[in-house]
Protein backbone atom coordinates (compact mmCIF):
# COMPACT_ATOMS: atom_id res chain seq x y z
CA MET A 1 -150.94 9.97 -151.96
CA PRO A 2 -152.01 11.00 -148.43
CA LYS A 3 -149.37 11.37 -145.76
CA HIS A 4 -148.64 8.35 -143.60
CA ALA A 5 -146.41 7.64 -140.66
CA ASP A 6 -143.03 6.35 -141.75
CA ASP A 7 -143.85 2.77 -140.88
CA GLN A 8 -147.07 2.94 -142.95
CA ILE A 9 -145.44 4.01 -146.23
CA PRO A 10 -144.93 0.98 -148.44
CA LEU A 11 -141.37 0.35 -149.58
CA GLU A 12 -141.43 0.51 -153.39
CA ARG A 13 -138.63 -0.64 -155.68
CA SER A 14 -137.32 0.58 -158.98
CA PRO A 15 -138.78 -0.92 -162.16
CA GLY A 16 -136.77 -3.77 -163.60
CA PRO A 17 -135.01 -6.70 -161.99
CA SER A 18 -133.57 -6.34 -158.50
CA TRP A 19 -130.06 -7.47 -157.63
CA GLN A 20 -131.57 -10.59 -156.10
CA ASP A 21 -133.28 -11.28 -159.45
CA VAL A 22 -129.89 -10.90 -161.15
CA LEU A 23 -128.38 -13.39 -158.71
CA ASP A 24 -131.00 -15.93 -159.79
CA GLN A 25 -129.40 -15.91 -163.27
CA ASP A 26 -125.81 -16.29 -162.05
CA SER A 27 -123.69 -18.97 -163.75
CA ARG A 28 -122.37 -20.15 -160.37
CA PRO A 29 -124.01 -21.16 -157.07
CA VAL A 30 -124.53 -18.00 -155.04
CA PRO A 31 -123.21 -18.04 -151.45
CA GLU A 32 -125.55 -17.00 -148.66
CA PHE A 33 -123.70 -13.81 -147.80
CA LEU A 34 -124.54 -12.42 -151.25
CA ARG A 35 -128.18 -13.32 -150.75
CA ALA A 36 -128.29 -11.48 -147.43
CA GLU A 37 -130.57 -8.47 -147.13
CA SER A 38 -130.58 -6.21 -144.11
CA PRO A 39 -133.88 -5.69 -142.32
CA TYR A 40 -132.94 -2.11 -141.57
CA LEU A 41 -135.20 0.64 -142.92
CA ASN A 42 -134.25 4.26 -142.44
CA GLY A 43 -137.74 5.70 -142.65
CA PHE A 44 -138.85 8.61 -144.80
CA SER A 45 -138.66 11.63 -142.51
CA ASP A 46 -136.64 14.66 -143.62
CA ILE A 47 -133.24 15.03 -141.98
CA PRO A 48 -132.75 18.46 -140.36
CA LYS A 49 -130.29 20.51 -142.39
CA ASP A 50 -128.43 21.66 -139.27
CA ARG A 51 -126.84 18.20 -139.14
CA TYR A 52 -124.89 19.23 -142.22
CA LEU A 53 -124.41 22.93 -141.47
CA SER A 54 -124.40 23.49 -137.73
CA ARG A 55 -121.13 24.07 -135.87
CA GLU A 56 -122.87 22.78 -132.72
CA TRP A 57 -123.73 19.51 -134.44
CA HIS A 58 -120.17 19.23 -135.74
CA GLU A 59 -118.83 19.59 -132.21
CA LYS A 60 -121.24 16.86 -131.05
CA GLU A 61 -119.85 14.55 -133.76
CA LYS A 62 -116.29 15.27 -132.62
CA ALA A 63 -117.18 14.46 -129.02
CA CYS A 64 -119.54 11.52 -129.54
CA LEU A 65 -118.47 10.02 -132.88
CA TRP A 66 -114.88 10.63 -133.95
CA SER A 67 -113.53 10.26 -130.43
CA ARG A 68 -115.42 7.00 -129.82
CA VAL A 69 -115.63 5.08 -133.09
CA TRP A 70 -113.22 2.65 -134.74
CA GLN A 71 -111.75 4.23 -137.88
CA PHE A 72 -109.41 2.93 -140.57
CA ALA A 73 -105.97 4.55 -140.25
CA CYS A 74 -103.66 2.61 -142.59
CA ARG A 75 -102.60 -0.78 -143.93
CA GLU A 76 -99.98 -2.84 -142.11
CA GLU A 77 -97.63 -2.62 -145.11
CA GLN A 78 -97.52 1.16 -144.59
CA LEU A 79 -95.58 0.36 -141.41
CA PRO A 80 -92.92 -1.96 -142.85
CA GLU A 81 -90.19 -1.51 -140.21
CA VAL A 82 -89.91 -0.90 -136.49
CA GLY A 83 -90.10 2.88 -136.14
CA SER A 84 -92.30 3.39 -139.21
CA TYR A 85 -95.20 5.73 -138.46
CA ILE A 86 -98.07 7.51 -140.15
CA VAL A 87 -99.94 10.66 -139.14
CA TYR A 88 -103.70 10.08 -139.04
CA GLU A 89 -105.99 13.09 -138.78
CA ILE A 90 -109.74 13.37 -138.26
CA ALA A 91 -111.59 16.65 -137.67
CA ASP A 92 -109.17 18.72 -135.55
CA GLN A 93 -107.48 15.69 -133.97
CA SER A 94 -104.13 14.18 -134.99
CA TYR A 95 -102.73 10.76 -134.07
CA LEU A 96 -99.47 8.87 -134.54
CA VAL A 97 -99.72 5.21 -135.55
CA THR A 98 -96.37 3.45 -135.27
CA LYS A 99 -94.77 0.02 -135.35
CA VAL A 100 -93.02 -0.36 -131.99
CA SER A 101 -91.84 -3.96 -132.50
CA GLU A 102 -92.05 -6.70 -135.11
CA ASP A 103 -95.47 -7.78 -133.83
CA GLU A 104 -96.94 -4.68 -132.17
CA ILE A 105 -98.52 -1.46 -133.43
CA LYS A 106 -99.40 1.41 -131.11
CA ALA A 107 -101.09 4.78 -131.54
CA TYR A 108 -100.84 8.05 -129.59
CA PRO A 109 -102.30 11.53 -129.79
CA ASN A 110 -99.88 13.44 -132.00
CA VAL A 111 -99.11 16.14 -129.44
CA CYS A 112 -96.23 17.05 -127.14
CA LEU A 113 -97.23 16.84 -123.44
CA HIS A 114 -95.17 19.94 -122.67
CA ARG A 115 -96.67 22.72 -124.83
CA GLY A 116 -99.00 20.91 -127.18
CA ARG A 117 -96.96 21.14 -130.38
CA LEU A 118 -97.47 18.43 -133.05
CA LEU A 119 -94.75 15.81 -132.69
CA LYS A 120 -94.88 14.86 -136.39
CA THR A 121 -96.35 16.57 -139.45
CA TYR A 122 -95.53 13.88 -142.04
CA ASP A 123 -95.25 10.09 -142.38
CA GLY A 124 -91.86 8.47 -142.00
CA ARG A 125 -89.56 6.38 -139.80
CA CYS A 126 -87.80 7.36 -136.57
CA THR A 127 -86.14 5.97 -133.44
CA GLU A 128 -87.93 8.37 -131.08
CA PHE A 129 -90.66 10.99 -131.04
CA ARG A 130 -88.91 14.28 -130.33
CA CYS A 131 -90.82 17.56 -130.18
CA PRO A 132 -89.31 20.08 -132.63
CA PHE A 133 -90.25 22.98 -130.30
CA HIS A 134 -88.38 22.33 -127.02
CA GLY A 135 -86.92 18.87 -127.60
CA PHE A 136 -88.95 16.71 -125.21
CA ALA A 137 -88.57 13.12 -126.45
CA TRP A 138 -90.38 9.79 -126.08
CA HIS A 139 -89.46 6.18 -126.91
CA LEU A 140 -91.39 4.37 -129.64
CA ASP A 141 -93.39 2.56 -126.94
CA GLY A 142 -94.56 5.94 -125.58
CA GLY A 143 -92.33 6.05 -122.49
CA LEU A 144 -90.66 9.35 -121.60
CA LYS A 145 -87.08 9.41 -122.92
CA HIS A 146 -85.66 12.87 -122.39
CA ILE A 147 -86.46 16.25 -120.82
CA PRO A 148 -84.05 19.00 -121.88
CA ALA A 149 -82.90 21.23 -119.03
CA GLU A 150 -84.54 18.79 -116.66
CA TRP A 151 -83.42 20.81 -113.62
CA ASP A 152 -86.18 23.24 -114.56
CA PHE A 153 -88.76 20.47 -114.10
CA PRO A 154 -88.07 19.01 -110.62
CA HIS A 155 -91.78 18.30 -110.14
CA LEU A 156 -91.59 15.68 -112.91
CA GLU A 157 -88.80 13.62 -111.36
CA THR A 158 -91.24 11.17 -109.80
CA ARG A 159 -93.93 11.47 -112.48
CA SER A 160 -92.34 9.81 -115.49
CA GLU A 161 -95.39 7.56 -115.90
CA ASP A 162 -97.63 10.61 -116.08
CA MET A 163 -95.41 11.93 -118.87
CA ALA A 164 -95.77 8.79 -121.03
CA LEU A 165 -97.67 9.35 -124.29
CA PRO A 166 -101.30 8.31 -123.74
CA GLU A 167 -102.20 5.28 -125.84
CA VAL A 168 -105.07 5.04 -128.29
CA ASN A 169 -106.78 1.70 -128.93
CA VAL A 170 -105.41 -0.14 -131.97
CA GLY A 171 -107.05 -3.07 -133.75
CA THR A 172 -106.19 -4.94 -136.93
CA TRP A 173 -108.27 -6.96 -139.34
CA ALA A 174 -107.14 -8.52 -142.60
CA GLY A 175 -104.12 -6.22 -142.82
CA PHE A 176 -106.13 -3.07 -142.07
CA VAL A 177 -105.14 -1.00 -139.03
CA PHE A 178 -107.92 0.76 -137.08
CA ILE A 179 -107.74 3.15 -134.14
CA ASN A 180 -110.29 4.23 -131.53
CA PRO A 181 -109.54 7.06 -129.07
CA ASP A 182 -112.20 5.83 -126.61
CA PRO A 183 -110.55 3.83 -123.78
CA GLU A 184 -113.89 2.10 -123.09
CA ALA A 185 -114.48 1.13 -126.72
CA GLU A 186 -115.75 -2.29 -127.70
CA SER A 187 -113.29 -4.52 -129.54
CA LEU A 188 -112.73 -4.00 -133.25
CA HIS A 189 -114.11 -7.48 -133.95
CA ASP A 190 -117.36 -6.71 -132.11
CA PHE A 191 -117.59 -3.31 -133.81
CA LEU A 192 -117.29 -4.73 -137.33
CA GLY A 193 -119.58 -7.68 -136.64
CA GLU A 194 -119.64 -11.14 -138.14
CA GLU A 195 -121.90 -10.27 -141.07
CA ILE A 196 -119.54 -7.99 -142.92
CA MET A 197 -116.56 -10.29 -142.34
CA ARG A 198 -118.31 -13.10 -144.20
CA HIS A 199 -118.27 -10.97 -147.33
CA PHE A 200 -114.47 -11.03 -147.51
CA GLU A 201 -113.77 -14.65 -146.63
CA ARG A 202 -113.32 -15.65 -150.26
CA TRP A 203 -110.95 -12.80 -151.13
CA ASP A 204 -107.94 -13.32 -148.80
CA MET A 205 -107.68 -9.63 -147.80
CA GLU A 206 -104.57 -10.24 -145.66
CA ASN A 207 -102.60 -11.07 -148.79
CA ARG A 208 -103.05 -7.65 -150.37
CA TYR A 209 -101.06 -4.45 -150.77
CA ILE A 210 -101.69 -0.81 -151.65
CA GLN A 211 -101.02 -0.24 -155.34
CA ALA A 212 -101.89 3.46 -155.25
CA HIS A 213 -103.28 5.90 -152.72
CA VAL A 214 -105.22 8.92 -153.97
CA SER A 215 -106.72 11.42 -151.57
CA LYS A 216 -108.86 14.47 -152.23
CA ILE A 217 -110.20 17.26 -150.06
CA VAL A 218 -113.88 17.84 -150.82
CA ASN A 219 -115.42 21.07 -149.62
CA CYS A 220 -118.51 19.63 -148.03
CA ASN A 221 -119.73 18.05 -144.83
CA TRP A 222 -118.38 14.51 -144.55
CA LYS A 223 -121.91 13.05 -144.60
CA ILE A 224 -122.60 14.60 -148.02
CA ALA A 225 -119.59 12.81 -149.51
CA ASN A 226 -120.36 9.56 -147.71
CA GLU A 227 -124.01 9.51 -148.78
CA ALA A 228 -123.02 9.78 -152.44
CA PHE A 229 -121.69 6.22 -152.14
CA SER A 230 -124.80 4.96 -150.35
CA GLU A 231 -127.17 5.28 -153.29
CA GLY A 232 -127.13 4.48 -156.98
CA PHE A 233 -129.67 6.77 -158.57
CA HIS A 234 -127.12 9.55 -159.23
CA VAL A 235 -125.50 7.51 -162.00
CA ASN A 236 -127.83 8.70 -164.78
CA ALA A 237 -126.72 12.31 -164.27
CA THR A 238 -123.15 11.91 -162.99
CA HIS A 239 -121.99 8.80 -164.91
CA PRO A 240 -124.33 8.65 -167.93
CA GLN A 241 -121.79 6.58 -169.87
CA GLY A 242 -122.71 3.64 -167.62
CA MET A 243 -126.48 3.77 -167.98
CA THR A 244 -126.73 1.13 -170.71
CA TYR A 245 -125.09 -1.56 -168.59
CA THR A 246 -125.66 -0.53 -164.94
CA GLY A 247 -128.94 -0.91 -163.11
CA ASP A 248 -128.13 1.93 -160.76
CA PRO A 249 -131.65 2.48 -159.36
CA GLN A 250 -131.78 -1.26 -158.63
CA SER A 251 -128.78 -1.01 -156.30
CA GLN A 252 -129.14 -2.88 -153.05
CA VAL A 253 -128.01 -1.02 -149.93
CA ASP A 254 -127.62 -3.06 -146.74
CA ILE A 255 -126.79 -1.86 -143.24
CA TRP A 256 -125.69 -4.20 -140.47
CA GLY A 257 -124.91 -2.39 -137.24
CA ASN A 258 -121.79 -0.33 -137.89
CA THR A 259 -121.13 -1.58 -141.41
CA ALA A 260 -122.86 -1.32 -144.74
CA ARG A 261 -122.57 -2.36 -148.38
CA ASN A 262 -123.87 -0.94 -151.64
CA ILE A 263 -124.13 -3.22 -154.68
CA SER A 264 -125.05 -2.01 -158.17
CA PRO A 265 -125.88 -4.77 -160.66
CA LYS A 266 -124.04 -4.73 -163.99
CA GLY A 267 -125.37 -6.20 -167.22
CA ILE A 268 -128.86 -4.76 -166.87
CA PRO A 269 -129.80 -1.36 -168.26
CA CYS A 270 -130.90 1.61 -166.21
CA PRO A 271 -134.73 1.80 -166.29
CA LEU A 272 -134.43 5.55 -166.97
CA LEU A 273 -133.15 4.82 -170.49
CA PRO A 274 -135.71 5.47 -173.24
CA PHE A 275 -134.59 2.31 -175.08
CA VAL A 276 -133.48 -1.25 -174.31
CA PRO A 277 -129.87 -1.94 -175.36
CA THR A 278 -128.75 -5.29 -176.69
CA GLU A 279 -126.33 -7.48 -174.75
CA GLU A 280 -123.58 -6.65 -177.24
CA GLN A 281 -124.27 -2.94 -176.91
CA MET A 282 -124.01 -3.20 -173.12
CA LEU A 283 -120.73 -5.07 -173.47
CA ARG A 284 -119.30 -2.50 -175.91
CA ASP A 285 -120.27 0.39 -173.66
CA ALA A 286 -118.80 -1.34 -170.59
CA LEU A 287 -115.48 -1.87 -172.42
CA ASP A 288 -115.69 1.45 -174.33
CA VAL A 289 -115.43 -0.28 -177.70
CA ARG A 290 -117.02 1.48 -180.65
CA GLU A 291 -119.45 -0.14 -183.05
CA GLY A 292 -117.57 -1.97 -185.78
CA GLU A 293 -114.37 -2.40 -183.72
CA PRO A 294 -113.36 -5.90 -182.60
CA LEU A 295 -114.13 -6.77 -178.99
CA PRO A 296 -111.09 -7.54 -176.80
CA ILE A 297 -112.82 -10.59 -175.26
CA PRO A 298 -114.77 -13.47 -176.83
CA PHE A 299 -118.50 -12.85 -177.19
CA GLU A 300 -120.79 -15.44 -178.73
CA GLU A 301 -124.22 -14.90 -180.21
CA GLY A 302 -126.91 -15.37 -177.56
CA GLU A 303 -124.45 -14.75 -174.73
CA THR A 304 -125.03 -12.11 -172.07
CA MET A 305 -122.71 -9.31 -171.13
CA ARG A 306 -122.45 -10.72 -167.60
CA THR A 307 -121.29 -14.17 -168.66
CA ALA A 308 -118.80 -12.76 -171.19
CA LEU A 309 -117.21 -10.34 -168.71
CA SER A 310 -117.14 -12.77 -165.80
CA ARG A 311 -115.51 -15.41 -168.03
CA ALA A 312 -112.84 -12.90 -169.04
CA GLY A 313 -112.41 -11.92 -165.41
CA ARG A 314 -111.84 -15.51 -164.32
CA GLU A 315 -109.10 -15.99 -166.87
CA ARG A 316 -107.47 -12.70 -165.94
CA PHE A 317 -107.35 -13.59 -162.24
CA ARG A 318 -106.51 -17.27 -162.71
CA GLU A 319 -102.77 -16.63 -162.47
CA SER A 320 -103.23 -14.96 -159.07
CA PHE A 321 -106.11 -17.00 -157.62
CA GLY A 322 -105.64 -20.33 -159.33
CA ASP A 323 -108.59 -22.55 -160.10
CA ARG A 324 -110.43 -21.00 -157.17
CA VAL A 325 -111.74 -18.41 -159.66
CA ASP A 326 -114.04 -21.09 -161.11
CA ASP A 327 -116.11 -20.98 -157.91
CA LEU A 328 -116.46 -17.21 -157.86
CA THR A 329 -119.82 -15.89 -159.02
CA ASP A 330 -120.53 -13.49 -161.86
CA ALA A 331 -121.75 -11.07 -159.21
CA GLU A 332 -118.40 -11.05 -157.42
CA PHE A 333 -116.62 -10.14 -160.64
CA LEU A 334 -119.06 -7.55 -161.90
CA ASP A 335 -121.26 -5.96 -159.28
CA LYS A 336 -118.77 -3.55 -157.78
CA LYS A 337 -117.65 -0.02 -158.35
CA VAL A 338 -114.63 -0.98 -160.45
CA GLU A 339 -114.80 -1.10 -164.23
CA LEU A 340 -113.08 -3.83 -166.21
CA LYS A 341 -111.18 -1.53 -168.48
CA ILE A 342 -109.03 0.08 -165.82
CA GLU A 343 -108.42 -3.34 -164.33
CA GLN A 344 -106.97 -4.46 -167.65
CA LEU A 345 -104.28 -1.85 -167.29
CA LYS A 346 -103.65 -2.65 -163.65
CA GLY A 347 -103.08 -6.30 -164.36
CA LYS A 348 -100.16 -5.71 -166.71
CA MET A 349 -96.55 -4.89 -166.00
CA ILE A 350 -95.91 -1.47 -167.51
CA PRO A 351 -92.34 -0.44 -166.58
CA GLY A 352 -92.27 3.22 -167.49
CA TYR A 353 -94.01 6.09 -169.19
CA GLY A 354 -93.14 5.06 -172.74
CA ALA A 355 -94.44 1.55 -172.20
CA LEU A 356 -97.61 2.94 -170.69
CA LEU A 357 -98.24 5.11 -173.75
CA LYS A 358 -97.56 2.12 -176.00
CA GLN A 359 -100.08 0.05 -174.04
CA LEU A 360 -102.67 2.79 -174.18
CA ARG A 361 -102.13 3.28 -177.91
CA GLY A 362 -102.65 -0.43 -178.44
CA GLU A 363 -106.01 -0.33 -176.71
CA HIS A 364 -107.09 2.93 -178.38
CA LYS A 365 -105.67 2.64 -181.89
CA ASP A 366 -107.97 5.10 -183.56
CA LYS A 367 -108.07 7.69 -180.81
CA SER A 368 -106.23 10.94 -180.31
CA TYR A 369 -103.31 11.44 -177.95
CA ALA A 370 -105.53 13.23 -175.45
CA SER A 371 -108.23 10.57 -175.71
CA TYR A 372 -106.10 7.53 -174.92
CA LEU A 373 -104.56 9.40 -171.97
CA PHE A 374 -107.89 10.57 -170.60
CA ASP A 375 -110.07 7.53 -171.26
CA PRO A 376 -108.81 5.39 -168.35
CA LEU A 377 -109.68 8.27 -165.97
CA ILE A 378 -113.33 8.17 -167.02
CA TYR A 379 -113.54 5.01 -164.92
CA SER A 380 -112.16 6.65 -161.78
CA SER A 381 -114.13 6.16 -158.58
CA ASP A 382 -113.75 9.92 -158.02
CA ALA A 383 -116.83 11.61 -159.51
CA SER A 384 -115.08 14.97 -159.90
CA ILE A 385 -112.33 13.35 -162.02
CA GLN A 386 -114.95 11.62 -164.17
CA LEU A 387 -116.87 14.86 -164.75
CA PHE A 388 -113.69 16.79 -165.59
CA VAL A 389 -112.46 14.20 -168.07
CA LYS A 390 -115.92 13.87 -169.62
CA SER A 391 -116.11 17.64 -170.14
CA VAL A 392 -112.62 17.67 -171.72
CA GLN A 393 -113.56 14.82 -174.02
CA ASP A 394 -116.82 16.48 -175.03
CA ALA A 395 -115.04 19.77 -175.74
CA ASN A 396 -112.35 17.93 -177.72
CA LEU A 397 -114.94 16.14 -179.85
CA LYS A 398 -116.80 19.39 -180.52
CA THR A 399 -113.54 21.10 -181.48
CA ASP A 400 -112.55 18.22 -183.75
CA ASP A 401 -115.94 18.30 -185.48
CA ALA A 402 -115.79 22.07 -185.95
CA SER A 403 -112.20 21.85 -187.16
CA ARG A 404 -113.03 19.18 -189.72
CA LYS A 405 -115.95 21.21 -191.05
CA LEU A 406 -113.84 24.38 -191.25
CA LYS A 407 -110.99 22.55 -192.97
CA GLY A 408 -113.42 21.14 -195.50
CA THR A 409 -114.88 24.56 -196.24
CA LEU A 410 -111.46 26.20 -196.54
CA LYS A 411 -110.25 23.45 -198.85
CA GLU A 412 -113.21 23.96 -201.14
CA GLU A 413 -112.77 27.74 -201.17
CA TYR A 414 -109.02 27.45 -201.73
CA ASP A 415 -109.56 25.13 -204.71
CA LEU A 416 -112.03 27.60 -206.21
CA PHE A 417 -109.63 30.49 -205.59
CA THR A 418 -106.68 28.76 -207.29
CA GLU A 419 -108.93 27.97 -210.24
CA GLY A 420 -110.01 31.60 -210.47
CA LYS A 421 -113.61 30.67 -209.65
CA SER A 422 -113.81 32.18 -206.15
CA GLU A 423 -116.59 34.69 -205.50
CA PHE A 424 -114.39 36.50 -202.95
CA ASP A 425 -112.99 39.90 -203.92
CA ILE A 426 -109.55 39.51 -202.31
CA GLU A 427 -108.64 43.21 -202.48
CA LYS A 428 -111.95 44.25 -200.93
CA LEU A 429 -111.60 41.59 -198.29
CA ASN A 430 -108.16 42.93 -197.31
CA ASP A 431 -109.45 46.50 -197.25
CA ASP A 432 -112.22 45.46 -194.89
CA LEU A 433 -109.86 43.79 -192.44
CA LEU A 434 -108.38 46.96 -190.97
CA GLU A 435 -109.78 50.35 -190.21
CA GLU A 436 -107.60 53.41 -189.42
CA ILE A 437 -109.06 55.44 -186.58
CA LYS A 438 -107.87 58.37 -184.46
CA MET A 439 -107.38 57.56 -180.81
CA GLY A 440 -105.65 59.87 -178.34
CA GLY A 441 -104.51 62.13 -181.13
CA LYS A 442 -102.80 59.24 -182.88
CA ASN A 443 -103.66 57.13 -185.85
CA ARG A 444 -104.36 53.55 -184.79
CA LEU A 445 -105.25 50.44 -186.71
CA SER A 446 -108.42 48.80 -185.49
CA LEU A 447 -109.15 45.17 -186.33
CA VAL A 448 -112.54 44.79 -187.92
CA GLN A 449 -112.17 41.12 -188.87
CA PRO A 450 -109.39 38.49 -188.74
CA ILE A 451 -106.29 40.28 -189.80
CA ASP A 452 -104.20 40.52 -192.98
CA VAL A 453 -100.90 39.67 -191.29
CA ASN A 454 -98.64 41.28 -193.86
CA ARG A 455 -100.51 44.56 -193.79
CA TYR A 456 -100.67 44.55 -190.03
CA GLU A 457 -96.92 44.00 -189.68
CA THR A 458 -96.19 46.81 -192.14
CA GLU A 459 -98.30 49.23 -190.14
CA ARG A 460 -96.80 47.99 -186.85
CA LYS A 461 -93.26 48.69 -188.14
CA LYS A 462 -94.34 52.26 -188.94
CA VAL A 463 -95.64 52.71 -185.41
CA LYS A 464 -92.43 51.30 -183.88
CA GLU A 465 -90.21 53.55 -186.04
CA SER A 466 -92.23 56.58 -184.94
CA LEU A 467 -91.85 55.60 -181.29
CA ARG A 468 -88.11 55.05 -181.66
CA ARG A 469 -87.71 58.62 -182.89
CA LYS A 470 -89.88 59.84 -180.02
CA TYR A 471 -87.73 58.08 -177.41
CA ASN A 472 -84.36 58.85 -179.07
CA ALA A 473 -83.46 55.29 -179.96
CA PRO A 474 -79.94 55.02 -181.42
CA GLN A 475 -79.77 55.41 -185.21
CA PRO A 476 -76.90 54.68 -187.61
CA MET A 477 -74.89 57.79 -188.35
CA GLU A 478 -73.12 58.57 -191.58
CA GLY A 479 -70.92 55.70 -192.57
CA GLU A 480 -72.59 53.27 -190.12
CA THR A 481 -75.02 50.43 -190.63
CA TRP A 482 -77.36 48.67 -188.20
CA GLU A 483 -74.76 45.89 -187.96
CA SER A 484 -71.94 48.28 -186.99
CA GLN A 485 -70.44 47.55 -183.57
CA THR A 486 -70.76 51.17 -182.49
CA VAL A 487 -74.51 51.12 -183.26
CA LEU A 488 -74.92 47.83 -181.42
CA ASP A 489 -73.06 49.18 -178.38
CA ARG A 490 -75.23 52.33 -178.25
CA TRP A 491 -78.31 50.13 -178.61
CA LYS A 492 -77.24 47.95 -175.65
CA VAL A 493 -76.81 51.05 -173.45
CA TRP A 494 -80.20 52.42 -174.52
CA ARG A 495 -81.97 49.11 -173.76
CA LYS A 496 -80.83 49.40 -170.12
CA SER A 497 -82.26 52.92 -169.73
CA ASP A 498 -85.58 54.10 -168.29
CA THR A 499 -86.32 55.65 -171.66
CA TYR A 500 -86.30 52.20 -173.25
CA LYS A 501 -88.70 50.92 -170.61
CA ARG A 502 -91.17 53.72 -171.47
CA TYR A 503 -90.68 53.01 -175.16
CA ASN A 504 -91.29 49.29 -174.75
CA LYS A 505 -94.38 49.88 -172.62
CA GLU A 506 -95.91 52.08 -175.31
CA VAL A 507 -95.02 49.56 -178.02
CA GLN A 508 -96.84 46.83 -176.11
CA SER A 509 -99.90 49.00 -175.59
CA SER A 510 -100.00 50.03 -179.25
């Protein structure tokens, strides 16, 4: 194809149904916000690599992006009491976000105005912000509280306002707390925009809480990590277990101003697969249920994976959402980066480690201890965790297969040996296991094959007895035995000597 300007290159789509095509088959009326498609097109020009590698570009981002953009700092429930605070860090900047009253949250640069020391290095609760270096202190509302040895700072007597902690813009939406260091920043509402807010109207985000918080430091430029969640065509290589039931190349990515969404349709196979799975196969793979095992949810002949899973999802959420779940679409239950299986565990009260193991055993009756512990992690949103667990599982399966084959072979050979029908010459085999060689003027046993343990131990005892004589280890004298108290006492003294240390070192090396 000849080169064209970006705006002349036609926008082609992946083979197979798009997410909009999937919505056409939904069992419920689809709201307009799900039908929305952004008109934004990035273009096809290469992005200069210095935007990911250059220190100069990084400094530009610190000055023009991270110091001027609204960014999620915490949830309101992370600040449960007056005085609760969290430390929020971005690039080389640190901020304190704190609850100063029952209905007000403030944020400040996390730095002492005296000598620039961090005021806090951990999350917690306090009645003041006191610098651990010299003891300068501020009230929760940022006002100056105390200057130690204030007679040394007479120039600050009339400048208490100048010594107040500078405030950082704070905005809240649906229980989420955002900060923006730019004093001229637009409001949080204007920044987020109306479009993205429509997507959460049906989900009551204010009435939510943090069940778990997992963080990970990834050694890459932040844009590399972010872009991994802005496309779907990595699934076939990174998450191949989901290819049968996830149309990853058909993902729809929308960008509206400062916000974006990425939706990957479930219940349609990846077009990169060399075969077309059945609906039941897609359902089994999505739930990680092997062929021949009973499915944990009802599935009728002629039914699709999407209708079966969304029906199960409605019943699972009915206790929390009430009959409102009947209006929620299949797409809202399925087309997200959360797998059903891990949700099944989340939705149950599991009060302790033993109960958790019992629950896992119940859902993985025929699996090994390692497997039922690792399997839930395969559905983690963290790709590195998925890859690690997948590699462990693969290695475990290979080991199990090899072990079973070896056990079968050994059993057959053992039966032949006990019946006197073995072709092995046992004496020759033992002779071939060890070879006596001279090394450093000493006779040493060299392992040629897996060892005859009895013979090896016999030879090792000979070596140790020779070394004991060399290093004057205590020996029973006439009338004594190894159990005699006098021999034991001499042995205790010898074990504390430098001679014993040299002896032991040579034993270990032999």
